[in-house]
Amino acid sequence: MLLSEVQVGQSGVLQRLDLNEEVSDHLAHLGFLPGAPFKVLRRAPAGDPTVYRIDDVEVGLRSETAQHIEIELDAAEAR
């Protein structure tokens, strides 16, 4: 599943980032690393960007970036 597909309130774990090195490095400094837990906090009224919590830091990402991040939902969320 892709990070851009997750609904507000859902949480899970980052699996893989398929972005260019510059963007991947920047996101890594913000905590976007494989194995990191995340939660979707809110979406802008127009639907983009979306704010995620990673390591107690709130980060806003546009869907064009989030669609390149693979995740796994928490077991309770995946049902």
N, C-alpha and C. Protein backbone atom coordinates (compact mmCIF):
# COMPACT_ATOMS: atom_id res chain seq x y z
N MET A 1 0.85 -1.17 0.00
CA MET A 1 0.00 0.00 0.00
C MET A 1 0.90 1.24 0.00
N LEU A 2 0.38 2.32 -0.53
CA LEU A 2 1.15 3.57 -0.61
C LEU A 2 0.70 4.54 0.48
N LEU A 3 1.62 5.35 0.95
CA LEU A 3 1.32 6.33 1.98
C LEU A 3 0.21 7.27 1.54
N SER A 4 0.14 7.60 0.27
CA SER A 4 -0.88 8.51 -0.23
C SER A 4 -2.29 7.93 -0.15
N GLU A 5 -2.42 6.61 0.05
CA GLU A 5 -3.72 5.94 0.09
C GLU A 5 -4.28 5.79 1.50
N VAL A 6 -3.49 6.11 2.50
CA VAL A 6 -3.89 5.91 3.90
C VAL A 6 -4.84 7.03 4.32
N GLN A 7 -5.85 6.65 5.10
CA GLN A 7 -6.86 7.60 5.57
C GLN A 7 -6.42 8.29 6.86
N VAL A 8 -6.99 9.46 7.10
CA VAL A 8 -6.72 10.20 8.34
C VAL A 8 -7.08 9.31 9.53
N GLY A 9 -6.20 9.26 10.51
CA GLY A 9 -6.40 8.45 11.71
C GLY A 9 -5.73 7.09 11.65
N GLN A 10 -5.39 6.62 10.45
CA GLN A 10 -4.74 5.33 10.32
C GLN A 10 -3.24 5.45 10.61
N SER A 11 -2.66 4.32 10.98
CA SER A 11 -1.23 4.30 11.29
C SER A 11 -0.62 3.01 10.76
N GLY A 12 0.70 3.00 10.71
CA GLY A 12 1.41 1.84 10.22
C GLY A 12 2.90 2.04 10.31
N VAL A 13 3.61 1.34 9.42
CA VAL A 13 5.07 1.37 9.41
C VAL A 13 5.54 1.61 7.99
N LEU A 14 6.51 2.48 7.84
CA LEU A 14 7.09 2.73 6.52
C LEU A 14 7.88 1.51 6.08
N GLN A 15 7.77 1.15 4.80
CA GLN A 15 8.46 -0.02 4.28
C GLN A 15 9.58 0.36 3.31
N ARG A 16 9.28 1.26 2.36
CA ARG A 16 10.26 1.55 1.30
C ARG A 16 9.97 2.91 0.70
N LEU A 17 11.01 3.68 0.43
CA LEU A 17 10.90 4.97 -0.25
C LEU A 17 11.50 4.83 -1.64
N ASP A 18 10.72 5.15 -2.65
CA ASP A 18 11.16 5.06 -4.04
C ASP A 18 11.22 6.47 -4.63
N LEU A 19 12.13 7.27 -4.09
CA LEU A 19 12.28 8.68 -4.49
C LEU A 19 13.73 8.94 -4.87
N ASN A 20 13.97 10.06 -5.54
CA ASN A 20 15.35 10.37 -5.88
C ASN A 20 16.16 10.59 -4.60
N GLU A 21 17.45 10.49 -4.72
CA GLU A 21 18.34 10.53 -3.55
C GLU A 21 18.20 11.81 -2.73
N GLU A 22 18.08 12.93 -3.39
CA GLU A 22 17.98 14.21 -2.68
C GLU A 22 16.72 14.26 -1.80
N VAL A 23 15.59 13.85 -2.35
CA VAL A 23 14.34 13.86 -1.59
C VAL A 23 14.39 12.79 -0.49
N SER A 24 14.88 11.60 -0.82
CA SER A 24 14.99 10.53 0.18
C SER A 24 15.87 10.94 1.35
N ASP A 25 16.99 11.58 1.06
CA ASP A 25 17.88 12.04 2.13
C ASP A 25 17.20 13.07 3.02
N HIS A 26 16.48 14.00 2.39
CA HIS A 26 15.78 15.03 3.16
C HIS A 26 14.73 14.39 4.07
N LEU A 27 13.94 13.48 3.51
CA LEU A 27 12.91 12.82 4.31
C LEU A 27 13.53 11.95 5.40
N ALA A 28 14.67 11.33 5.13
CA ALA A 28 15.35 10.52 6.14
C ALA A 28 15.73 11.37 7.35
N HIS A 29 16.15 12.60 7.12
CA HIS A 29 16.50 13.50 8.23
C HIS A 29 15.27 13.86 9.05
N LEU A 30 14.09 13.74 8.45
CA LEU A 30 12.84 14.02 9.16
C LEU A 30 12.26 12.77 9.82
N GLY A 31 12.91 11.62 9.63
CA GLY A 31 12.47 10.39 10.26
C GLY A 31 11.80 9.40 9.33
N PHE A 32 11.68 9.72 8.04
CA PHE A 32 11.06 8.82 7.08
C PHE A 32 12.06 7.75 6.66
N LEU A 33 12.14 6.70 7.48
CA LEU A 33 13.06 5.59 7.24
C LEU A 33 12.28 4.29 7.30
N PRO A 34 12.69 3.28 6.55
CA PRO A 34 12.03 1.98 6.65
C PRO A 34 12.00 1.50 8.10
N GLY A 35 10.82 1.04 8.52
CA GLY A 35 10.65 0.57 9.89
C GLY A 35 10.09 1.63 10.83
N ALA A 36 10.05 2.88 10.39
CA ALA A 36 9.55 3.95 11.25
C ALA A 36 8.02 3.93 11.31
N PRO A 37 7.45 4.02 12.51
CA PRO A 37 5.99 4.09 12.62
C PRO A 37 5.50 5.48 12.23
N PHE A 38 4.28 5.54 11.69
CA PHE A 38 3.69 6.82 11.30
C PHE A 38 2.21 6.81 11.65
N LYS A 39 1.62 7.99 11.68
CA LYS A 39 0.17 8.15 11.81
C LYS A 39 -0.25 9.31 10.92
N VAL A 40 -1.39 9.16 10.26
CA VAL A 40 -1.93 10.24 9.43
C VAL A 40 -2.76 11.14 10.33
N LEU A 41 -2.37 12.41 10.44
CA LEU A 41 -3.03 13.33 11.36
C LEU A 41 -4.16 14.12 10.72
N ARG A 42 -3.91 14.70 9.56
CA ARG A 42 -4.95 15.52 8.92
C ARG A 42 -4.58 15.79 7.48
N ARG A 43 -5.61 16.19 6.71
CA ARG A 43 -5.44 16.55 5.31
C ARG A 43 -5.94 17.96 5.11
N ALA A 44 -5.32 18.69 4.21
CA ALA A 44 -5.79 20.03 3.87
C ALA A 44 -7.21 19.93 3.30
N PRO A 45 -8.01 20.97 3.43
CA PRO A 45 -9.39 20.94 2.92
C PRO A 45 -9.49 20.52 1.45
N ALA A 46 -8.53 20.88 0.65
CA ALA A 46 -8.56 20.50 -0.77
C ALA A 46 -7.98 19.10 -0.99
N GLY A 47 -7.52 18.43 0.09
CA GLY A 47 -7.00 17.07 -0.01
C GLY A 47 -5.50 16.95 -0.11
N ASP A 48 -4.80 18.06 -0.22
CA ASP A 48 -3.35 18.00 -0.38
C ASP A 48 -2.74 19.29 0.16
N PRO A 49 -1.74 19.28 1.02
CA PRO A 49 -0.96 18.14 1.49
C PRO A 49 -1.63 17.42 2.66
N THR A 50 -0.98 16.36 3.11
CA THR A 50 -1.40 15.58 4.26
C THR A 50 -0.31 15.67 5.31
N VAL A 51 -0.72 15.75 6.58
CA VAL A 51 0.23 15.85 7.68
C VAL A 51 0.34 14.49 8.37
N TYR A 52 1.58 14.03 8.50
CA TYR A 52 1.90 12.74 9.12
C TYR A 52 2.72 12.99 10.37
N ARG A 53 2.58 12.09 11.37
CA ARG A 53 3.45 12.13 12.55
C ARG A 53 4.45 10.99 12.42
N ILE A 54 5.73 11.35 12.45
CA ILE A 54 6.83 10.39 12.42
C ILE A 54 7.77 10.79 13.56
N ASP A 55 8.05 9.87 14.47
CA ASP A 55 8.96 10.18 15.60
C ASP A 55 8.58 11.46 16.32
N ASP A 56 7.31 11.64 16.61
CA ASP A 56 6.80 12.83 17.32
C ASP A 56 7.02 14.14 16.57
N VAL A 57 7.27 14.06 15.27
CA VAL A 57 7.42 15.24 14.43
C VAL A 57 6.29 15.23 13.41
N GLU A 58 5.64 16.38 13.22
CA GLU A 58 4.59 16.50 12.22
C GLU A 58 5.19 17.01 10.92
N VAL A 59 4.95 16.26 9.84
CA VAL A 59 5.51 16.59 8.54
C VAL A 59 4.39 16.58 7.51
N GLY A 60 4.32 17.64 6.71
CA GLY A 60 3.34 17.70 5.63
C GLY A 60 3.98 17.24 4.33
N LEU A 61 3.30 16.34 3.63
CA LEU A 61 3.78 15.86 2.33
C LEU A 61 2.66 15.97 1.29
N ARG A 62 3.03 16.34 0.11
CA ARG A 62 2.08 16.34 -1.01
C ARG A 62 1.88 14.90 -1.46
N SER A 63 0.72 14.64 -2.05
CA SER A 63 0.43 13.27 -2.48
C SER A 63 1.39 12.80 -3.56
N GLU A 64 1.93 13.72 -4.36
CA GLU A 64 2.89 13.33 -5.41
C GLU A 64 4.17 12.75 -4.81
N THR A 65 4.50 13.12 -3.58
CA THR A 65 5.64 12.53 -2.87
C THR A 65 5.20 11.26 -2.13
N ALA A 66 4.07 11.34 -1.43
CA ALA A 66 3.59 10.21 -0.63
C ALA A 66 3.28 8.98 -1.47
N GLN A 67 2.98 9.17 -2.75
CA GLN A 67 2.66 8.01 -3.60
C GLN A 67 3.90 7.19 -3.96
N HIS A 68 5.07 7.65 -3.54
CA HIS A 68 6.32 6.91 -3.77
C HIS A 68 6.86 6.27 -2.49
N ILE A 69 6.01 6.22 -1.46
CA ILE A 69 6.41 5.64 -0.18
C ILE A 69 5.50 4.46 0.13
N GLU A 70 6.09 3.28 0.21
CA GLU A 70 5.33 2.07 0.50
C GLU A 70 5.22 1.89 2.01
N ILE A 71 4.04 1.47 2.46
CA ILE A 71 3.80 1.30 3.89
C ILE A 71 3.10 -0.02 4.15
N GLU A 72 3.03 -0.37 5.41
CA GLU A 72 2.21 -1.47 5.87
C GLU A 72 1.35 -0.93 7.00
N LEU A 73 0.03 -1.09 6.89
CA LEU A 73 -0.86 -0.62 7.94
C LEU A 73 -0.71 -1.48 9.19
N ASP A 74 -1.00 -0.90 10.35
CA ASP A 74 -1.05 -1.68 11.57
C ASP A 74 -2.09 -2.78 11.38
N ALA A 75 -1.89 -3.91 12.01
CA ALA A 75 -2.77 -5.07 11.82
C ALA A 75 -4.24 -4.72 12.06
N ALA A 76 -4.55 -3.94 13.08
CA ALA A 76 -5.93 -3.58 13.38
C ALA A 76 -6.51 -2.67 12.30
N GLU A 77 -5.67 -1.88 11.65
CA GLU A 77 -6.11 -0.93 10.62
C GLU A 77 -6.37 -1.64 9.29
N ALA A 78 -5.67 -2.72 9.05
CA ALA A 78 -5.70 -3.37 7.74
C ALA A 78 -7.02 -4.11 7.47
N ARG A 79 -7.83 -4.29 8.48
CA ARG A 79 -9.09 -5.03 8.30
C ARG A 79 -10.15 -4.24 7.65
